[in-house]
Amino acid sequence: MDTNLLQDHPEAFENLRTRVQTLKTEIGKVLIGQERTLDYLLVALLSNGHVLLEGVPGIAKTLMVKLLARTLSTGYSRIQFTPDLMPSDITGTTVYHMANATFEFNKGPIFSNLILIDEINRAPAKTQSALFEVMEERQASVDGTTYPMASPFLVMATQNPLEHEGTYRLPEAQLDRFLFKLVLDYPSLEEEQTLLLNADTRRERSELELIQPQLQEKEIVEFQKLIHQVTVEKKLLEYIAKIVGATRNHPFLYLGASPRASLNLLHASKAFAALQGRSFVIPEDIKAVALPILIHRIYITPEKEMEGIDEQQLIPDIVNSVEVPR
């Protein structure tokens, strides 16, 4: 089906669901478990939003993004963040050519479609600042010239929550630019056994060799446009506002979520609904995306942190405290 005609066909959302399911099946040839995390990555793809993946080393954070990139016929680049990385190593540099006395801008690795930033918290503030404009405005300003990013453009970054030597805390303003923060855990016993069995069966074959592209760049852009057509009733917009507002008045929090969280809840719930093949949002869609959207935008008071309360416990309580519209 011609994706240019998606918006004119009533079966457009079912087509989206089917195409994305094909992509998930392809990734499932290698990735064991993490189905919910993969769903969130696909929501981010459809919402054109950035993702922060947090977890200990060895639980497939980087592999998951590489597999997703493999299924997409788009540009892909990987940037390994280190303490000595400079902003120009990300955005690029202007080079002077003596032969014709002209300056030419050599684009850095950020100029692609899907960007994997490994260990994002290893670069200092000066380098992190290079991402502020790129992530929010999807453009980079170098030497007085602004260079737009291609579409789609997504940053997917990883970080280790336990290792702090040689790392830098990400600024709140930068964290707020991520649509989702996904906290990954260890696989179950059954999943790890399946992983070992698959690895033994593959032997010398690379994991990425098993994955074939499923979505073209043009399709992704059309699907992103289709997401905007998902309808949201006014009472659900009020529901979103009340959930975010509840974080600003909660006694356990000294900082609640910003209006950007409300907008992200709106966009992500639309994409989540579309993944189910629906053209309208229901309260369950909003609940499904609330945790990864709010978890990096709220801050628990030190007293409650000492009592062992964390964001993953608190956010479901906040969401459930808001009356679901009927």
C-alpha atoms as a PDB file:
ATOM      1  CA  MET A   1       0.000   0.000   0.000  1.00  0.00           C
ATOM      2  CA  ASP A   2       1.299   3.459  -0.929  1.00  0.00           C
ATOM      3  CA  THR A   3       2.021   5.227   2.362  1.00  0.00           C
ATOM      4  CA  ASN A   4       1.136   8.566   0.759  1.00  0.00           C
ATOM      5  CA  LEU A   5      -2.446   7.331   0.756  1.00  0.00           C
ATOM      6  CA  LEU A   6      -2.457   6.244   4.399  1.00  0.00           C
ATOM      7  CA  GLN A   7      -4.432   9.218   5.599  1.00  0.00           C
ATOM      8  CA  ASP A   8      -7.173   8.622   3.023  1.00  0.00           C
ATOM      9  CA  HIS A   9      -7.897   5.018   3.989  1.00  0.00           C
ATOM     10  CA  PRO A  10      -9.915   3.929   7.041  1.00  0.00           C
ATOM     11  CA  GLU A  11      -7.666   0.873   7.431  1.00  0.00           C
ATOM     12  CA  ALA A  12      -4.580   3.064   7.878  1.00  0.00           C
ATOM     13  CA  PHE A  13      -4.247   2.378  11.606  1.00  0.00           C
ATOM     14  CA  GLU A  14      -4.660  -1.360  11.186  1.00  0.00           C
ATOM     15  CA  ASN A  15      -2.006  -1.215   8.487  1.00  0.00           C
ATOM     16  CA  LEU A  16       0.306   0.613  10.889  1.00  0.00           C
ATOM     17  CA  ARG A  17      -0.270  -2.004  13.581  1.00  0.00           C
ATOM     18  CA  THR A  18       0.448  -4.824  11.132  1.00  0.00           C
ATOM     19  CA  ARG A  19       3.618  -3.230   9.775  1.00  0.00           C
ATOM     20  CA  VAL A  20       4.966  -2.531  13.258  1.00  0.00           C
ATOM     21  CA  GLN A  21       4.144  -6.089  14.349  1.00  0.00           C
ATOM     22  CA  THR A  22       6.263  -7.346  11.458  1.00  0.00           C
ATOM     23  CA  LEU A  23       9.108  -5.215  12.749  1.00  0.00           C
ATOM     24  CA  LYS A  24       8.682  -6.592  16.285  1.00  0.00           C
ATOM     25  CA  THR A  25       8.705 -10.157  14.968  1.00  0.00           C
ATOM     26  CA  GLU A  26      11.953  -9.466  13.125  1.00  0.00           C
ATOM     27  CA  ILE A  27      13.616  -8.062  16.255  1.00  0.00           C
ATOM     28  CA  GLY A  28      12.274 -11.035  18.232  1.00  0.00           C
ATOM     29  CA  LYS A  29      14.569 -13.320  16.228  1.00  0.00           C
ATOM     30  CA  VAL A  30      17.382 -12.040  18.453  1.00  0.00           C
ATOM     31  CA  LEU A  31      15.918 -10.110  21.380  1.00  0.00           C
ATOM     32  CA  ILE A  32      14.580 -12.287  24.189  1.00  0.00           C
ATOM     33  CA  GLY A  33      12.090 -10.685  26.564  1.00  0.00           C
ATOM     34  CA  GLN A  34      11.922  -6.893  26.995  1.00  0.00           C
ATOM     35  CA  GLU A  35       8.655  -6.793  24.998  1.00  0.00           C
ATOM     36  CA  ARG A  36       7.337  -3.806  26.943  1.00  0.00           C
ATOM     37  CA  THR A  37      10.584  -1.902  26.476  1.00  0.00           C
ATOM     38  CA  LEU A  38      10.490  -2.593  22.755  1.00  0.00           C
ATOM     39  CA  ASP A  39       6.902  -1.301  22.630  1.00  0.00           C
ATOM     40  CA  TYR A  40       8.070   1.939  24.238  1.00  0.00           C
ATOM     41  CA  LEU A  41      10.881   2.289  21.700  1.00  0.00           C
ATOM     42  CA  LEU A  42       8.331   1.927  18.911  1.00  0.00           C
ATOM     43  CA  VAL A  43       6.058   4.492  20.567  1.00  0.00           C
ATOM     44  CA  ALA A  44       9.043   6.848  20.650  1.00  0.00           C
ATOM     45  CA  LEU A  45       9.741   6.149  16.990  1.00  0.00           C
ATOM     46  CA  LEU A  46       6.152   6.997  16.025  1.00  0.00           C
ATOM     47  CA  SER A  47       6.121  10.032  18.343  1.00  0.00           C
ATOM     48  CA  ASN A  48       9.502  11.234  17.055  1.00  0.00           C
ATOM     49  CA  GLY A  49      10.703  11.343  20.668  1.00  0.00           C
ATOM     50  CA  HIS A  50      14.042  10.626  22.323  1.00  0.00           C
ATOM     51  CA  VAL A  51      14.675   7.768  24.770  1.00  0.00           C
ATOM     52  CA  LEU A  52      17.045   7.269  27.715  1.00  0.00           C
ATOM     53  CA  LEU A  53      17.751   3.600  28.490  1.00  0.00           C
ATOM     54  CA  GLU A  54      19.074   2.950  31.978  1.00  0.00           C
ATOM     55  CA  GLY A  55      20.370  -0.351  33.305  1.00  0.00           C
ATOM     56  CA  VAL A  56      23.438  -2.278  34.371  1.00  0.00           C
ATOM     57  CA  PRO A  57      25.883  -3.447  31.672  1.00  0.00           C
ATOM     58  CA  GLY A  58      25.034  -6.577  29.696  1.00  0.00           C
ATOM     59  CA  ILE A  59      21.220  -6.436  29.596  1.00  0.00           C
ATOM     60  CA  ALA A  60      20.970  -5.558  25.882  1.00  0.00           C
ATOM     61  CA  LYS A  61      20.433  -1.777  26.046  1.00  0.00           C
ATOM     62  CA  THR A  62      22.775  -1.103  23.131  1.00  0.00           C
ATOM     63  CA  LEU A  63      21.788  -4.274  21.288  1.00  0.00           C
ATOM     64  CA  MET A  64      18.111  -3.326  21.421  1.00  0.00           C
ATOM     65  CA  VAL A  65      18.752   0.012  19.704  1.00  0.00           C
ATOM     66  CA  LYS A  66      21.061  -1.602  17.135  1.00  0.00           C
ATOM     67  CA  LEU A  67      18.387  -4.191  16.304  1.00  0.00           C
ATOM     68  CA  LEU A  68      15.775  -1.470  15.910  1.00  0.00           C
ATOM     69  CA  ALA A  69      18.106   0.493  13.641  1.00  0.00           C
ATOM     70  CA  ARG A  70      18.719  -2.651  11.596  1.00  0.00           C
ATOM     71  CA  THR A  71      14.991  -3.025  10.881  1.00  0.00           C
ATOM     72  CA  LEU A  72      14.744   0.558   9.609  1.00  0.00           C
ATOM     73  CA  SER A  73      16.014   1.645   6.206  1.00  0.00           C
ATOM     74  CA  THR A  74      17.288   4.936   7.604  1.00  0.00           C
ATOM     75  CA  GLY A  75      20.566   6.513   8.609  1.00  0.00           C
ATOM     76  CA  TYR A  76      22.137   5.264  11.833  1.00  0.00           C
ATOM     77  CA  SER A  77      25.153   6.414  13.818  1.00  0.00           C
ATOM     78  CA  ARG A  78      26.637   5.505  17.170  1.00  0.00           C
ATOM     79  CA  ILE A  79      28.519   7.920  19.407  1.00  0.00           C
ATOM     80  CA  GLN A  80      30.514   6.643  22.370  1.00  0.00           C
ATOM     81  CA  PHE A  81      30.571   9.379  24.992  1.00  0.00           C
ATOM     82  CA  THR A  82      33.830   9.821  26.906  1.00  0.00           C
ATOM     83  CA  PRO A  83      35.138  12.528  29.284  1.00  0.00           C
ATOM     84  CA  ASP A  84      37.387  13.995  26.558  1.00  0.00           C
ATOM     85  CA  LEU A  85      34.657  14.233  23.903  1.00  0.00           C
ATOM     86  CA  MET A  86      34.210  17.761  22.521  1.00  0.00           C
ATOM     87  CA  PRO A  87      31.020  19.368  21.134  1.00  0.00           C
ATOM     88  CA  SER A  88      32.580  19.512  17.659  1.00  0.00           C
ATOM     89  CA  ASP A  89      33.054  15.724  17.805  1.00  0.00           C
ATOM     90  CA  ILE A  90      29.259  15.503  17.809  1.00  0.00           C
ATOM     91  CA  THR A  91      28.039  18.343  15.622  1.00  0.00           C
ATOM     92  CA  GLY A  92      30.975  18.614  13.208  1.00  0.00           C
ATOM     93  CA  THR A  93      33.566  21.242  12.286  1.00  0.00           C
ATOM     94  CA  THR A  94      34.138  23.935   9.681  1.00  0.00           C
ATOM     95  CA  VAL A  95      37.254  23.261   7.600  1.00  0.00           C
ATOM     96  CA  TYR A  96      39.190  25.824   5.553  1.00  0.00           C
ATOM     97  CA  HIS A  97      40.298  24.713   2.076  1.00  0.00           C
ATOM     98  CA  MET A  98      43.406  26.610   1.024  1.00  0.00           C
ATOM     99  CA  ALA A  99      43.112  25.552  -2.635  1.00  0.00           C
ATOM    100  CA  ASN A 100      39.969  27.598  -3.254  1.00  0.00           C
ATOM    101  CA  ALA A 101      39.986  29.763  -0.093  1.00  0.00           C
ATOM    102  CA  THR A 102      36.584  28.519   1.085  1.00  0.00           C
ATOM    103  CA  PHE A 103      35.151  27.099   4.283  1.00  0.00           C
ATOM    104  CA  GLU A 104      33.247  23.814   4.283  1.00  0.00           C
ATOM    105  CA  PHE A 105      31.214  22.321   7.113  1.00  0.00           C
ATOM    106  CA  ASN A 106      31.922  18.655   7.766  1.00  0.00           C
ATOM    107  CA  LYS A 107      28.882  17.207   9.507  1.00  0.00           C
ATOM    108  CA  GLY A 108      29.390  15.175  12.659  1.00  0.00           C
ATOM    109  CA  PRO A 109      27.765  11.836  13.569  1.00  0.00           C
ATOM    110  CA  ILE A 110      24.688  13.562  15.036  1.00  0.00           C
ATOM    111  CA  PHE A 111      23.527  14.215  11.466  1.00  0.00           C
ATOM    112  CA  SER A 112      21.662  10.977  10.915  1.00  0.00           C
ATOM    113  CA  ASN A 113      18.202   9.550  11.611  1.00  0.00           C
ATOM    114  CA  LEU A 114      18.620   7.197  14.568  1.00  0.00           C
ATOM    115  CA  ILE A 115      21.447   8.166  16.919  1.00  0.00           C
ATOM    116  CA  LEU A 116      22.703   5.779  19.591  1.00  0.00           C
ATOM    117  CA  ILE A 117      24.638   7.574  22.325  1.00  0.00           C
ATOM    118  CA  ASP A 118      26.396   5.030  24.497  1.00  0.00           C
ATOM    119  CA  GLU A 119      27.052   5.991  28.135  1.00  0.00           C
ATOM    120  CA  ILE A 120      25.691   9.492  27.731  1.00  0.00           C
ATOM    121  CA  ASN A 121      26.585  10.447  31.292  1.00  0.00           C
ATOM    122  CA  ARG A 122      30.334  10.069  30.643  1.00  0.00           C
ATOM    123  CA  ALA A 123      30.655  13.385  28.781  1.00  0.00           C
ATOM    124  CA  PRO A 124      31.040  16.707  30.654  1.00  0.00           C
ATOM    125  CA  ALA A 125      28.538  19.575  30.650  1.00  0.00           C
ATOM    126  CA  LYS A 126      30.173  21.379  27.723  1.00  0.00           C
ATOM    127  CA  THR A 127      29.610  18.384  25.474  1.00  0.00           C
ATOM    128  CA  GLN A 128      26.126  17.703  26.842  1.00  0.00           C
ATOM    129  CA  SER A 129      25.157  21.278  25.961  1.00  0.00           C
ATOM    130  CA  ALA A 130      25.716  20.474  22.286  1.00  0.00           C
ATOM    131  CA  LEU A 131      22.714  18.147  22.510  1.00  0.00           C
ATOM    132  CA  PHE A 132      20.280  20.725  23.915  1.00  0.00           C
ATOM    133  CA  GLU A 133      19.476  22.457  20.637  1.00  0.00           C
ATOM    134  CA  VAL A 134      19.754  19.261  18.594  1.00  0.00           C
ATOM    135  CA  MET A 135      17.303  17.287  20.738  1.00  0.00           C
ATOM    136  CA  GLU A 136      14.688  20.009  21.179  1.00  0.00           C
ATOM    137  CA  GLU A 137      14.820  21.979  17.923  1.00  0.00           C
ATOM    138  CA  ARG A 138      16.296  19.287  15.672  1.00  0.00           C
ATOM    139  CA  GLN A 139      18.951  21.575  14.329  1.00  0.00           C
ATOM    140  CA  ALA A 140      22.574  22.407  15.078  1.00  0.00           C
ATOM    141  CA  SER A 141      24.090  25.906  15.032  1.00  0.00           C
ATOM    142  CA  VAL A 142      27.785  25.932  14.140  1.00  0.00           C
ATOM    143  CA  ASP A 143      29.811  29.090  13.433  1.00  0.00           C
ATOM    144  CA  GLY A 144      26.672  31.174  13.017  1.00  0.00           C
ATOM    145  CA  THR A 145      24.993  28.796  10.566  1.00  0.00           C
ATOM    146  CA  THR A 146      22.017  26.591  11.398  1.00  0.00           C
ATOM    147  CA  TYR A 147      21.871  23.090   9.937  1.00  0.00           C
ATOM    148  CA  PRO A 148      18.540  21.207  10.179  1.00  0.00           C
ATOM    149  CA  MET A 149      18.356  17.511  10.995  1.00  0.00           C
ATOM    150  CA  ALA A 150      16.805  15.016   8.616  1.00  0.00           C
ATOM    151  CA  SER A 151      13.460  13.428   9.447  1.00  0.00           C
ATOM    152  CA  PRO A 152      12.949  11.140  11.274  1.00  0.00           C
ATOM    153  CA  PHE A 153      15.451  12.122  13.967  1.00  0.00           C
ATOM    154  CA  LEU A 154      15.677  10.247  17.267  1.00  0.00           C
ATOM    155  CA  VAL A 155      18.320  10.107  19.984  1.00  0.00           C
ATOM    156  CA  MET A 156      18.450   6.893  22.008  1.00  0.00           C
ATOM    157  CA  ALA A 157      20.963   7.066  24.836  1.00  0.00           C
ATOM    158  CA  THR A 158      22.174   4.562  27.416  1.00  0.00           C
ATOM    159  CA  GLN A 159      23.566   4.988  30.899  1.00  0.00           C
ATOM    160  CA  ASN A 160      24.649   2.815  33.811  1.00  0.00           C
ATOM    161  CA  PRO A 161      22.906   3.851  37.071  1.00  0.00           C
ATOM    162  CA  LEU A 162      25.481   2.239  39.368  1.00  0.00           C
ATOM    163  CA  GLU A 163      28.903   3.316  38.111  1.00  0.00           C
ATOM    164  CA  HIS A 164      29.648   6.923  39.067  1.00  0.00           C
ATOM    165  CA  GLU A 165      33.419   7.238  38.586  1.00  0.00           C
ATOM    166  CA  GLY A 166      34.122   9.292  35.473  1.00  0.00           C
ATOM    167  CA  THR A 167      30.438  10.157  34.974  1.00  0.00           C
ATOM    168  CA  TYR A 168      28.471  13.403  35.108  1.00  0.00           C
ATOM    169  CA  ARG A 169      24.909  13.951  36.250  1.00  0.00           C
ATOM    170  CA  LEU A 170      22.674  14.924  33.335  1.00  0.00           C
ATOM    171  CA  PRO A 171      21.102  18.391  33.748  1.00  0.00           C
ATOM    172  CA  GLU A 172      17.375  18.426  34.463  1.00  0.00           C
ATOM    173  CA  ALA A 173      16.798  20.471  31.293  1.00  0.00           C
ATOM    174  CA  GLN A 174      18.434  17.737  29.238  1.00  0.00           C
ATOM    175  CA  LEU A 175      16.541  14.912  30.971  1.00  0.00           C
ATOM    176  CA  ASP A 176      13.313  16.767  30.231  1.00  0.00           C
ATOM    177  CA  ARG A 177      14.079  16.527  26.509  1.00  0.00           C
ATOM    178  CA  PHE A 178      13.774  12.748  26.608  1.00  0.00           C
ATOM    179  CA  LEU A 179      10.279  11.455  25.893  1.00  0.00           C
ATOM    180  CA  PHE A 180      10.920   8.274  27.905  1.00  0.00           C
ATOM    181  CA  LYS A 181      13.323   7.037  30.522  1.00  0.00           C
ATOM    182  CA  LEU A 182      13.232   3.245  30.418  1.00  0.00           C
ATOM    183  CA  VAL A 183      14.698   1.330  33.354  1.00  0.00           C
ATOM    184  CA  LEU A 184      15.723  -2.169  32.262  1.00  0.00           C
ATOM    185  CA  ASP A 185      16.015  -5.136  34.608  1.00  0.00           C
ATOM    186  CA  TYR A 186      17.564  -8.584  34.393  1.00  0.00           C
ATOM    187  CA  PRO A 187      15.787 -11.234  32.285  1.00  0.00           C
ATOM    188  CA  SER A 188      13.815 -14.006  33.938  1.00  0.00           C
ATOM    189  CA  LEU A 189      15.338 -17.481  34.337  1.00  0.00           C
ATOM    190  CA  GLU A 190      13.348 -18.813  31.362  1.00  0.00           C
ATOM    191  CA  GLU A 191      14.350 -15.865  29.171  1.00  0.00           C
ATOM    192  CA  GLU A 192      18.026 -16.283  30.031  1.00  0.00           C
ATOM    193  CA  GLN A 193      17.872 -20.004  29.241  1.00  0.00           C
ATOM    194  CA  THR A 194      16.318 -19.210  25.849  1.00  0.00           C
ATOM    195  CA  LEU A 195      19.015 -16.603  25.251  1.00  0.00           C
ATOM    196  CA  LEU A 196      21.753 -19.159  25.924  1.00  0.00           C
ATOM    197  CA  LEU A 197      20.077 -21.739  23.681  1.00  0.00           C
ATOM    198  CA  ASN A 198      19.795 -19.257  20.809  1.00  0.00           C
ATOM    199  CA  ALA A 199      23.404 -18.144  21.211  1.00  0.00           C
ATOM    200  CA  ASP A 200      24.600 -21.760  21.136  1.00  0.00           C
ATOM    201  CA  THR A 201      22.521 -22.503  18.028  1.00  0.00           C
ATOM    202  CA  ARG A 202      23.758 -19.427  16.135  1.00  0.00           C
ATOM    203  CA  ARG A 203      27.396 -20.259  16.831  1.00  0.00           C
ATOM    204  CA  GLU A 204      29.456 -18.073  14.477  1.00  0.00           C
ATOM    205  CA  ARG A 205      26.570 -16.129  12.921  1.00  0.00           C
ATOM    206  CA  SER A 206      26.267 -12.483  13.967  1.00  0.00           C
ATOM    207  CA  GLU A 207      23.055 -11.428  15.696  1.00  0.00           C
ATOM    208  CA  LEU A 208      22.596  -8.535  13.298  1.00  0.00           C
ATOM    209  CA  GLU A 209      22.906 -10.832  10.267  1.00  0.00           C
ATOM    210  CA  LEU A 210      19.539 -12.344  11.216  1.00  0.00           C
ATOM    211  CA  ILE A 211      17.722  -9.004  10.973  1.00  0.00           C
ATOM    212  CA  GLN A 212      16.432  -7.522   7.730  1.00  0.00           C
ATOM    213  CA  PRO A 213      15.021  -4.000   7.149  1.00  0.00           C
ATOM    214  CA  GLN A 214      11.247  -3.817   7.490  1.00  0.00           C
ATOM    215  CA  LEU A 215      10.308  -0.120   7.363  1.00  0.00           C
ATOM    216  CA  GLN A 216      11.429   2.448   4.825  1.00  0.00           C
ATOM    217  CA  GLU A 217      12.247   6.020   5.818  1.00  0.00           C
ATOM    218  CA  LYS A 218       9.244   7.303   3.856  1.00  0.00           C
ATOM    219  CA  GLU A 219       6.922   4.916   5.707  1.00  0.00           C
ATOM    220  CA  ILE A 220       8.180   6.059   9.102  1.00  0.00           C
ATOM    221  CA  VAL A 221       7.549   9.711   8.260  1.00  0.00           C
ATOM    222  CA  GLU A 222       4.044   8.893   6.993  1.00  0.00           C
ATOM    223  CA  PHE A 223       3.266   6.880  10.114  1.00  0.00           C
ATOM    224  CA  GLN A 224       4.464   9.791  12.269  1.00  0.00           C
ATOM    225  CA  LYS A 225       2.060  12.062  10.396  1.00  0.00           C
ATOM    226  CA  LEU A 226      -0.727   9.533  10.894  1.00  0.00           C
ATOM    227  CA  ILE A 227      -0.233   9.655  14.664  1.00  0.00           C
ATOM    228  CA  HIS A 228      -1.347  13.293  14.658  1.00  0.00           C
ATOM    229  CA  GLN A 229      -4.740  12.152  13.382  1.00  0.00           C
ATOM    230  CA  VAL A 230      -5.443  10.003  16.450  1.00  0.00           C
ATOM    231  CA  THR A 231      -8.352  11.647  18.263  1.00  0.00           C
ATOM    232  CA  VAL A 232      -8.355  12.512  21.966  1.00  0.00           C
ATOM    233  CA  GLU A 233     -11.568  13.535  23.727  1.00  0.00           C
ATOM    234  CA  LYS A 234     -11.545  16.730  25.771  1.00  0.00           C
ATOM    235  CA  LYS A 235     -12.137  14.811  29.014  1.00  0.00           C
ATOM    236  CA  LEU A 236      -8.956  12.817  28.342  1.00  0.00           C
ATOM    237  CA  LEU A 237      -6.993  16.030  27.822  1.00  0.00           C
ATOM    238  CA  GLU A 238      -8.260  17.097  31.248  1.00  0.00           C
ATOM    239  CA  TYR A 239      -7.214  13.685  32.608  1.00  0.00           C
ATOM    240  CA  ILE A 240      -3.663  14.215  31.337  1.00  0.00           C
ATOM    241  CA  ALA A 241      -3.514  17.701  32.860  1.00  0.00           C
ATOM    242  CA  LYS A 242      -4.768  16.423  36.212  1.00  0.00           C
ATOM    243  CA  ILE A 243      -2.166  13.621  36.335  1.00  0.00           C
ATOM    244  CA  VAL A 244       0.689  16.023  35.660  1.00  0.00           C
ATOM    245  CA  GLY A 245      -0.818  18.597  38.018  1.00  0.00           C
ATOM    246  CA  ALA A 246      -0.962  15.978  40.777  1.00  0.00           C
ATOM    247  CA  THR A 247       2.838  15.665  40.643  1.00  0.00           C
ATOM    248  CA  ARG A 248       3.209  19.374  41.417  1.00  0.00           C
ATOM    249  CA  ASN A 249       1.147  19.219  44.593  1.00  0.00           C
ATOM    250  CA  HIS A 250       2.225  15.866  45.999  1.00  0.00           C
ATOM    251  CA  PRO A 251       3.651  16.038  49.551  1.00  0.00           C
ATOM    252  CA  PHE A 252       6.389  13.499  48.738  1.00  0.00           C
ATOM    253  CA  LEU A 253       7.768  15.570  45.841  1.00  0.00           C
ATOM    254  CA  TYR A 254       9.748  18.809  45.877  1.00  0.00           C
ATOM    255  CA  LEU A 255       9.602  19.137  42.077  1.00  0.00           C
ATOM    256  CA  GLY A 256       6.787  18.000  39.798  1.00  0.00           C
ATOM    257  CA  ALA A 257       6.552  17.512  36.048  1.00  0.00           C
ATOM    258  CA  SER A 258       6.589  20.395  33.561  1.00  0.00           C
ATOM    259  CA  PRO A 259       4.043  21.159  30.793  1.00  0.00           C
ATOM    260  CA  ARG A 260       6.375  19.297  28.435  1.00  0.00           C
ATOM    261  CA  ALA A 261       5.367  16.150  30.328  1.00  0.00           C
ATOM    262  CA  SER A 262       1.711  16.856  29.512  1.00  0.00           C
ATOM    263  CA  LEU A 263       2.527  17.269  25.828  1.00  0.00           C
ATOM    264  CA  ASN A 264       4.583  14.086  25.840  1.00  0.00           C
ATOM    265  CA  LEU A 265       1.737  12.191  27.521  1.00  0.00           C
ATOM    266  CA  LEU A 266      -0.558  13.387  24.765  1.00  0.00           C
ATOM    267  CA  HIS A 267       1.754  12.432  21.903  1.00  0.00           C
ATOM    268  CA  ALA A 268       2.853   9.106  23.400  1.00  0.00           C
ATOM    269  CA  SER A 269      -0.688   7.998  24.228  1.00  0.00           C
ATOM    270  CA  LYS A 270      -1.672   8.698  20.617  1.00  0.00           C
ATOM    271  CA  ALA A 271       1.199   6.541  19.372  1.00  0.00           C
ATOM    272  CA  PHE A 272       0.393   3.799  21.879  1.00  0.00           C
ATOM    273  CA  ALA A 273      -3.227   3.759  20.689  1.00  0.00           C
ATOM    274  CA  ALA A 274      -2.089   3.560  17.059  1.00  0.00           C
ATOM    275  CA  LEU A 275       0.119   0.563  17.908  1.00  0.00           C
ATOM    276  CA  GLN A 276      -3.071  -1.200  18.982  1.00  0.00           C
ATOM    277  CA  GLY A 277      -4.651  -0.357  15.615  1.00  0.00           C
ATOM    278  CA  ARG A 278      -6.944   2.319  17.078  1.00  0.00           C
ATOM    279  CA  SER A 279      -7.553   5.860  15.833  1.00  0.00           C
ATOM    280  CA  PHE A 280      -8.598   7.137  19.276  1.00  0.00           C
ATOM    281  CA  VAL A 281      -7.080   7.281  22.757  1.00  0.00           C
ATOM    282  CA  ILE A 282      -8.546   5.577  25.821  1.00  0.00           C
ATOM    283  CA  PRO A 283      -7.499   6.105  29.480  1.00  0.00           C
ATOM    284  CA  GLU A 284      -5.490   2.872  29.465  1.00  0.00           C
ATOM    285  CA  ASP A 285      -3.205   4.317  26.764  1.00  0.00           C
ATOM    286  CA  ILE A 286      -2.386   7.286  28.986  1.00  0.00           C
ATOM    287  CA  LYS A 287      -1.762   5.027  31.989  1.00  0.00           C
ATOM    288  CA  ALA A 288       0.497   2.785  29.903  1.00  0.00           C
ATOM    289  CA  VAL A 289       2.938   5.578  29.045  1.00  0.00           C
ATOM    290  CA  ALA A 290       2.755   7.605  32.268  1.00  0.00           C
ATOM    291  CA  LEU A 291       5.576   5.871  34.163  1.00  0.00           C
ATOM    292  CA  PRO A 292       8.400   6.228  31.590  1.00  0.00           C
ATOM    293  CA  ILE A 293       7.334   9.817  30.852  1.00  0.00           C
ATOM    294  CA  LEU A 294       7.194  10.989  34.477  1.00  0.00           C
ATOM    295  CA  ILE A 295       9.966   8.948  36.096  1.00  0.00           C
ATOM    296  CA  HIS A 296      12.772  11.347  35.114  1.00  0.00           C
ATOM    297  CA  ARG A 297      10.719  14.510  35.615  1.00  0.00           C
ATOM    298  CA  ILE A 298       9.786  14.282  39.290  1.00  0.00           C
ATOM    299  CA  TYR A 299      12.039  14.527  42.338  1.00  0.00           C
ATOM    300  CA  ILE A 300      11.257  12.901  45.679  1.00  0.00           C
ATOM    301  CA  THR A 301      12.040  14.771  48.881  1.00  0.00           C
ATOM    302  CA  PRO A 302      15.197  13.560  50.669  1.00  0.00           C
ATOM    303  CA  GLU A 303      13.152  12.468  53.697  1.00  0.00           C
ATOM    304  CA  LYS A 304      10.971  10.133  51.631  1.00  0.00           C
ATOM    305  CA  GLU A 305      13.992   8.848  49.708  1.00  0.00           C
ATOM    306  CA  MET A 306      15.525   7.819  53.033  1.00  0.00           C
ATOM    307  CA  GLU A 307      12.333   5.887  53.753  1.00  0.00           C
ATOM    308  CA  GLY A 308      12.928   3.865  50.586  1.00  0.00           C
ATOM    309  CA  ILE A 309      10.246   5.445  48.403  1.00  0.00           C
ATOM    310  CA  ASP A 310      11.197   5.743  44.731  1.00  0.00           C
ATOM    311  CA  GLU A 311       9.627   7.055  41.524  1.00  0.00           C
ATOM    312  CA  GLN A 312       8.577   3.621  40.245  1.00  0.00           C
ATOM    313  CA  GLN A 313       6.458   3.122  43.362  1.00  0.00           C
ATOM    314  CA  LEU A 314       5.090   6.646  43.563  1.00  0.00           C
ATOM    315  CA  ILE A 315       4.008   7.319  39.964  1.00  0.00           C
ATOM    316  CA  PRO A 316       1.401   4.508  39.774  1.00  0.00           C
ATOM    317  CA  ASP A 317      -0.075   5.798  43.051  1.00  0.00           C
ATOM    318  CA  ILE A 318      -0.280   9.327  41.638  1.00  0.00           C
ATOM    319  CA  VAL A 319      -1.909   8.121  38.400  1.00  0.00           C
ATOM    320  CA  ASN A 320      -4.404   5.956  40.284  1.00  0.00           C
ATOM    321  CA  SER A 321      -5.305   8.880  42.570  1.00  0.00           C
ATOM    322  CA  VAL A 322      -6.740  10.766  39.586  1.00  0.00           C
ATOM    323  CA  GLU A 323     -10.298   9.822  38.708  1.00  0.00           C
ATOM    324  CA  VAL A 324     -10.586   8.115  35.334  1.00  0.00           C
ATOM    325  CA  PRO A 325     -13.077   9.938  33.068  1.00  0.00           C
ATOM    326  CA  ARG A 326     -16.134   7.964  31.999  1.00  0.00           C
END
